[in-house]
Amino acid sequence: MGFKMEGIDDFNKDIHNIVNKAEELEGENEVSFEVLFNDNFIQKYTSFKTLGEMFDKSQYKVESAEDLDKIPEEELDAYVNKNTEFESWAEMMETAIGEYCADKIGLD
């Protein structure tokens, strides 16, 4: 009489896949704003449909990362705090990165 542990085997395989995908994310990775702040993310945490719309409705012209870097941190944080579920731009970025990584390793 045999004993089949299919559930455990599947679980172990899933864990192995997650570890492999996590290792692929190690080190430095470049991810575009469009991928990081995709429409689903923006719609989930703001009243806007896209990141472009979010910045179009602001007083800032943001067409690149350089444009974003020119905005004083306090002003950007105030805009994010007023128009999103986040208190600051840093918190918004941390959440976006966390969700991106979770999606990439299959934890979504």
N, C-alpha and C. Protein backbone atom coordinates (compact mmCIF):
# COMPACT_ATOMS: atom_id res chain seq x y z
N MET A 1 0.85 -1.16 0.00
CA MET A 1 0.00 0.00 0.00
C MET A 1 0.90 1.23 0.00
N GLY A 2 0.72 2.12 -0.99
CA GLY A 2 1.55 3.31 -1.11
C GLY A 2 0.93 4.52 -0.44
N PHE A 3 1.76 5.47 -0.13
CA PHE A 3 1.32 6.71 0.50
C PHE A 3 1.68 7.85 -0.43
N LYS A 4 0.68 8.59 -0.91
CA LYS A 4 0.92 9.66 -1.88
C LYS A 4 0.78 11.01 -1.19
N MET A 5 1.82 11.81 -1.29
CA MET A 5 1.81 13.14 -0.67
C MET A 5 1.78 14.21 -1.74
N GLU A 6 0.79 14.14 -2.60
CA GLU A 6 0.70 15.07 -3.72
C GLU A 6 0.59 16.53 -3.25
N GLY A 7 -0.18 16.77 -2.20
CA GLY A 7 -0.34 18.12 -1.69
C GLY A 7 0.97 18.72 -1.23
N ILE A 8 1.74 17.96 -0.50
CA ILE A 8 3.04 18.42 -0.01
C ILE A 8 4.00 18.64 -1.17
N ASP A 9 3.98 17.73 -2.14
CA ASP A 9 4.85 17.87 -3.31
C ASP A 9 4.53 19.16 -4.07
N ASP A 10 3.24 19.42 -4.26
CA ASP A 10 2.84 20.65 -4.94
C ASP A 10 3.27 21.88 -4.15
N PHE A 11 3.11 21.82 -2.84
CA PHE A 11 3.51 22.92 -1.98
C PHE A 11 5.01 23.17 -2.10
N ASN A 12 5.80 22.10 -2.03
CA ASN A 12 7.25 22.22 -2.15
C ASN A 12 7.65 22.79 -3.51
N LYS A 13 6.97 22.37 -4.56
CA LYS A 13 7.24 22.87 -5.90
C LYS A 13 6.93 24.37 -5.97
N ASP A 14 5.80 24.77 -5.38
CA ASP A 14 5.43 26.18 -5.36
C ASP A 14 6.46 27.02 -4.60
N ILE A 15 6.89 26.53 -3.46
CA ILE A 15 7.91 27.24 -2.67
C ILE A 15 9.20 27.37 -3.46
N HIS A 16 9.60 26.30 -4.12
CA HIS A 16 10.82 26.31 -4.94
C HIS A 16 10.70 27.36 -6.05
N ASN A 17 9.55 27.42 -6.71
CA ASN A 17 9.34 28.41 -7.78
C ASN A 17 9.40 29.83 -7.23
N ILE A 18 8.81 30.06 -6.07
CA ILE A 18 8.84 31.39 -5.46
C ILE A 18 10.27 31.79 -5.14
N VAL A 19 11.04 30.88 -4.57
CA VAL A 19 12.44 31.17 -4.23
C VAL A 19 13.23 31.50 -5.49
N ASN A 20 13.03 30.73 -6.56
CA ASN A 20 13.74 30.99 -7.82
C ASN A 20 13.39 32.37 -8.38
N LYS A 21 12.11 32.70 -8.35
CA LYS A 21 11.69 34.01 -8.88
C LYS A 21 12.22 35.14 -8.01
N ALA A 22 12.26 34.94 -6.70
CA ALA A 22 12.79 35.95 -5.80
C ALA A 22 14.28 36.17 -6.06
N GLU A 23 15.01 35.10 -6.33
CA GLU A 23 16.43 35.21 -6.63
C GLU A 23 16.66 35.99 -7.92
N GLU A 24 15.74 35.87 -8.87
CA GLU A 24 15.85 36.62 -10.12
C GLU A 24 15.72 38.12 -9.88
N LEU A 25 15.02 38.52 -8.82
CA LEU A 25 14.82 39.93 -8.51
C LEU A 25 15.97 40.52 -7.69
N GLU A 26 16.89 39.68 -7.22
CA GLU A 26 18.01 40.17 -6.43
C GLU A 26 18.87 41.10 -7.26
N GLY A 27 19.52 42.02 -6.58
CA GLY A 27 20.41 42.94 -7.27
C GLY A 27 19.65 44.15 -7.77
N GLU A 28 20.24 44.80 -8.73
CA GLU A 28 19.67 46.03 -9.25
C GLU A 28 18.78 45.72 -10.45
N ASN A 29 17.58 46.28 -10.43
CA ASN A 29 16.63 46.08 -11.51
C ASN A 29 16.07 47.42 -11.93
N GLU A 30 15.91 47.61 -13.23
CA GLU A 30 15.27 48.82 -13.73
C GLU A 30 13.85 48.49 -14.10
N VAL A 31 12.92 49.27 -13.54
CA VAL A 31 11.51 49.08 -13.82
C VAL A 31 10.95 50.46 -14.16
N SER A 32 10.24 50.55 -15.26
CA SER A 32 9.70 51.85 -15.68
C SER A 32 8.57 52.28 -14.74
N PHE A 33 8.32 53.59 -14.71
CA PHE A 33 7.21 54.10 -13.91
C PHE A 33 5.89 53.51 -14.39
N GLU A 34 5.76 53.30 -15.69
CA GLU A 34 4.52 52.77 -16.25
C GLU A 34 4.25 51.36 -15.73
N VAL A 35 5.29 50.59 -15.52
CA VAL A 35 5.13 49.23 -14.99
C VAL A 35 4.91 49.29 -13.48
N LEU A 36 5.71 50.07 -12.80
CA LEU A 36 5.62 50.16 -11.34
C LEU A 36 4.29 50.78 -10.90
N PHE A 37 3.92 51.88 -11.53
CA PHE A 37 2.67 52.57 -11.21
C PHE A 37 1.66 52.32 -12.32
N ASN A 38 1.38 51.04 -12.54
CA ASN A 38 0.45 50.69 -13.62
C ASN A 38 -0.95 51.20 -13.28
N ASP A 39 -1.83 51.16 -14.27
CA ASP A 39 -3.18 51.70 -14.10
C ASP A 39 -3.92 51.05 -12.94
N ASN A 40 -3.76 49.74 -12.77
CA ASN A 40 -4.44 49.06 -11.65
C ASN A 40 -3.98 49.61 -10.31
N PHE A 41 -2.68 49.83 -10.17
CA PHE A 41 -2.14 50.38 -8.92
C PHE A 41 -2.72 51.78 -8.67
N ILE A 42 -2.68 52.63 -9.69
CA ILE A 42 -3.17 54.00 -9.54
C ILE A 42 -4.65 54.01 -9.20
N GLN A 43 -5.44 53.18 -9.87
CA GLN A 43 -6.88 53.13 -9.60
C GLN A 43 -7.19 52.57 -8.22
N LYS A 44 -6.34 51.69 -7.74
CA LYS A 44 -6.54 51.09 -6.42
C LYS A 44 -6.30 52.09 -5.29
N TYR A 45 -5.30 52.96 -5.45
CA TYR A 45 -4.88 53.83 -4.37
C TYR A 45 -5.16 55.32 -4.56
N THR A 46 -5.72 55.70 -5.71
CA THR A 46 -6.02 57.11 -5.97
C THR A 46 -7.39 57.21 -6.64
N SER A 47 -7.81 58.43 -6.90
CA SER A 47 -9.05 58.64 -7.65
C SER A 47 -8.78 58.82 -9.14
N PHE A 48 -7.53 58.64 -9.54
CA PHE A 48 -7.14 58.82 -10.94
C PHE A 48 -7.14 57.48 -11.68
N LYS A 49 -7.18 57.56 -13.00
CA LYS A 49 -7.16 56.35 -13.83
C LYS A 49 -5.73 55.93 -14.19
N THR A 50 -4.83 56.92 -14.33
CA THR A 50 -3.45 56.64 -14.73
C THR A 50 -2.49 57.55 -13.96
N LEU A 51 -1.22 57.18 -13.97
CA LEU A 51 -0.20 58.03 -13.36
C LEU A 51 -0.11 59.35 -14.11
N GLY A 52 -0.23 59.28 -15.44
CA GLY A 52 -0.21 60.50 -16.24
C GLY A 52 -1.30 61.46 -15.83
N GLU A 53 -2.50 60.94 -15.62
CA GLU A 53 -3.61 61.79 -15.18
C GLU A 53 -3.32 62.39 -13.81
N MET A 54 -2.74 61.59 -12.94
CA MET A 54 -2.42 62.08 -11.59
C MET A 54 -1.51 63.29 -11.67
N PHE A 55 -0.49 63.23 -12.52
CA PHE A 55 0.42 64.36 -12.63
C PHE A 55 -0.16 65.48 -13.50
N ASP A 56 -0.99 65.15 -14.48
CA ASP A 56 -1.64 66.19 -15.29
C ASP A 56 -2.52 67.08 -14.42
N LYS A 57 -3.14 66.51 -13.39
CA LYS A 57 -4.03 67.26 -12.50
C LYS A 57 -3.25 68.05 -11.45
N SER A 58 -1.95 67.84 -11.40
CA SER A 58 -1.12 68.56 -10.43
C SER A 58 -0.63 69.86 -11.07
N GLN A 59 0.07 70.65 -10.28
CA GLN A 59 0.65 71.89 -10.80
C GLN A 59 2.00 71.65 -11.46
N TYR A 60 2.41 70.39 -11.52
CA TYR A 60 3.73 70.05 -12.03
C TYR A 60 3.65 69.42 -13.41
N LYS A 61 4.64 69.71 -14.22
CA LYS A 61 4.77 69.05 -15.52
C LYS A 61 5.75 67.90 -15.34
N VAL A 62 5.23 66.67 -15.37
CA VAL A 62 6.06 65.49 -15.15
C VAL A 62 5.98 64.60 -16.37
N GLU A 63 7.07 64.60 -17.13
CA GLU A 63 7.16 63.74 -18.31
C GLU A 63 8.33 62.77 -18.22
N SER A 64 9.11 62.91 -17.16
CA SER A 64 10.28 62.04 -16.99
C SER A 64 10.65 61.97 -15.51
N ALA A 65 11.54 61.05 -15.20
CA ALA A 65 12.03 60.93 -13.83
C ALA A 65 12.77 62.20 -13.41
N GLU A 66 13.43 62.84 -14.37
CA GLU A 66 14.15 64.08 -14.08
C GLU A 66 13.17 65.17 -13.66
N ASP A 67 12.01 65.25 -14.35
CA ASP A 67 10.99 66.23 -13.97
C ASP A 67 10.51 65.98 -12.55
N LEU A 68 10.33 64.73 -12.22
CA LEU A 68 9.87 64.36 -10.88
C LEU A 68 10.91 64.74 -9.83
N ASP A 69 12.17 64.54 -10.15
CA ASP A 69 13.26 64.87 -9.22
C ASP A 69 13.33 66.37 -8.93
N LYS A 70 12.83 67.19 -9.84
CA LYS A 70 12.88 68.65 -9.67
C LYS A 70 11.82 69.17 -8.69
N ILE A 71 10.82 68.37 -8.41
CA ILE A 71 9.75 68.80 -7.50
C ILE A 71 10.28 68.71 -6.07
N PRO A 72 10.16 69.79 -5.30
CA PRO A 72 10.59 69.73 -3.90
C PRO A 72 9.85 68.60 -3.16
N GLU A 73 10.60 67.84 -2.39
CA GLU A 73 10.06 66.66 -1.72
C GLU A 73 8.82 66.98 -0.88
N GLU A 74 8.87 68.11 -0.15
CA GLU A 74 7.73 68.47 0.70
C GLU A 74 6.47 68.71 -0.13
N GLU A 75 6.63 69.34 -1.30
CA GLU A 75 5.48 69.61 -2.16
C GLU A 75 4.93 68.33 -2.77
N LEU A 76 5.81 67.45 -3.19
CA LEU A 76 5.37 66.17 -3.76
C LEU A 76 4.67 65.34 -2.69
N ASP A 77 5.23 65.31 -1.49
CA ASP A 77 4.61 64.57 -0.40
C ASP A 77 3.22 65.13 -0.08
N ALA A 78 3.09 66.45 -0.08
CA ALA A 78 1.79 67.08 0.21
C ALA A 78 0.77 66.71 -0.86
N TYR A 79 1.19 66.71 -2.12
CA TYR A 79 0.28 66.35 -3.22
C TYR A 79 -0.14 64.88 -3.11
N VAL A 80 0.82 64.01 -2.85
CA VAL A 80 0.53 62.58 -2.71
C VAL A 80 -0.40 62.36 -1.51
N ASN A 81 -0.11 63.02 -0.40
CA ASN A 81 -0.93 62.87 0.80
C ASN A 81 -2.38 63.30 0.55
N LYS A 82 -2.55 64.37 -0.20
CA LYS A 82 -3.89 64.91 -0.46
C LYS A 82 -4.67 64.08 -1.49
N ASN A 83 -3.96 63.44 -2.43
CA ASN A 83 -4.63 62.83 -3.58
C ASN A 83 -4.52 61.31 -3.67
N THR A 84 -3.90 60.69 -2.68
CA THR A 84 -3.76 59.23 -2.69
C THR A 84 -4.02 58.70 -1.28
N GLU A 85 -3.90 57.40 -1.13
CA GLU A 85 -4.03 56.79 0.19
C GLU A 85 -2.71 56.79 0.95
N PHE A 86 -1.69 57.43 0.40
CA PHE A 86 -0.36 57.43 1.00
C PHE A 86 -0.06 58.77 1.66
N GLU A 87 0.84 58.73 2.64
CA GLU A 87 1.25 59.95 3.32
C GLU A 87 2.38 60.66 2.59
N SER A 88 3.13 59.91 1.78
CA SER A 88 4.29 60.50 1.12
C SER A 88 4.58 59.77 -0.19
N TRP A 89 5.41 60.41 -1.02
CA TRP A 89 5.85 59.78 -2.26
C TRP A 89 6.66 58.52 -1.95
N ALA A 90 7.49 58.58 -0.92
CA ALA A 90 8.31 57.42 -0.54
C ALA A 90 7.42 56.23 -0.18
N GLU A 91 6.35 56.48 0.57
CA GLU A 91 5.44 55.40 0.94
C GLU A 91 4.74 54.83 -0.29
N MET A 92 4.37 55.70 -1.21
CA MET A 92 3.72 55.25 -2.45
C MET A 92 4.68 54.38 -3.27
N MET A 93 5.94 54.82 -3.35
CA MET A 93 6.94 54.04 -4.09
C MET A 93 7.19 52.70 -3.42
N GLU A 94 7.31 52.68 -2.11
CA GLU A 94 7.56 51.42 -1.39
C GLU A 94 6.44 50.42 -1.64
N THR A 95 5.21 50.91 -1.62
CA THR A 95 4.06 50.03 -1.86
C THR A 95 4.08 49.51 -3.30
N ALA A 96 4.36 50.39 -4.25
CA ALA A 96 4.42 49.98 -5.66
C ALA A 96 5.51 48.94 -5.88
N ILE A 97 6.66 49.14 -5.28
CA ILE A 97 7.76 48.18 -5.41
C ILE A 97 7.38 46.85 -4.77
N GLY A 98 6.77 46.91 -3.60
CA GLY A 98 6.34 45.68 -2.92
C GLY A 98 5.34 44.90 -3.74
N GLU A 99 4.36 45.60 -4.33
CA GLU A 99 3.36 44.92 -5.15
C GLU A 99 3.98 44.37 -6.43
N TYR A 100 4.92 45.10 -7.01
CA TYR A 100 5.61 44.64 -8.21
C TYR A 100 6.37 43.34 -7.91
N CYS A 101 7.11 43.33 -6.81
CA CYS A 101 7.88 42.14 -6.44
C CYS A 101 6.96 40.96 -6.12
N ALA A 102 5.89 41.22 -5.39
CA ALA A 102 4.94 40.15 -5.06
C ALA A 102 4.35 39.55 -6.33
N ASP A 103 4.04 40.41 -7.29
CA ASP A 103 3.49 39.93 -8.57
C ASP A 103 4.53 39.10 -9.32
N LYS A 104 5.77 39.56 -9.32
CA LYS A 104 6.82 38.86 -10.05
C LYS A 104 7.14 37.48 -9.48
N ILE A 105 7.01 37.34 -8.17
CA ILE A 105 7.32 36.03 -7.58
C ILE A 105 6.07 35.18 -7.37
N GLY A 106 4.93 35.72 -7.77
CA GLY A 106 3.70 34.93 -7.75
C GLY A 106 2.96 34.94 -6.43
N LEU A 107 3.09 36.02 -5.67
CA LEU A 107 2.38 36.11 -4.40
C LEU A 107 1.13 36.97 -4.48
N ASP A 108 0.76 37.38 -5.66
CA ASP A 108 -0.42 38.25 -5.79
C ASP A 108 -1.71 37.50 -5.67
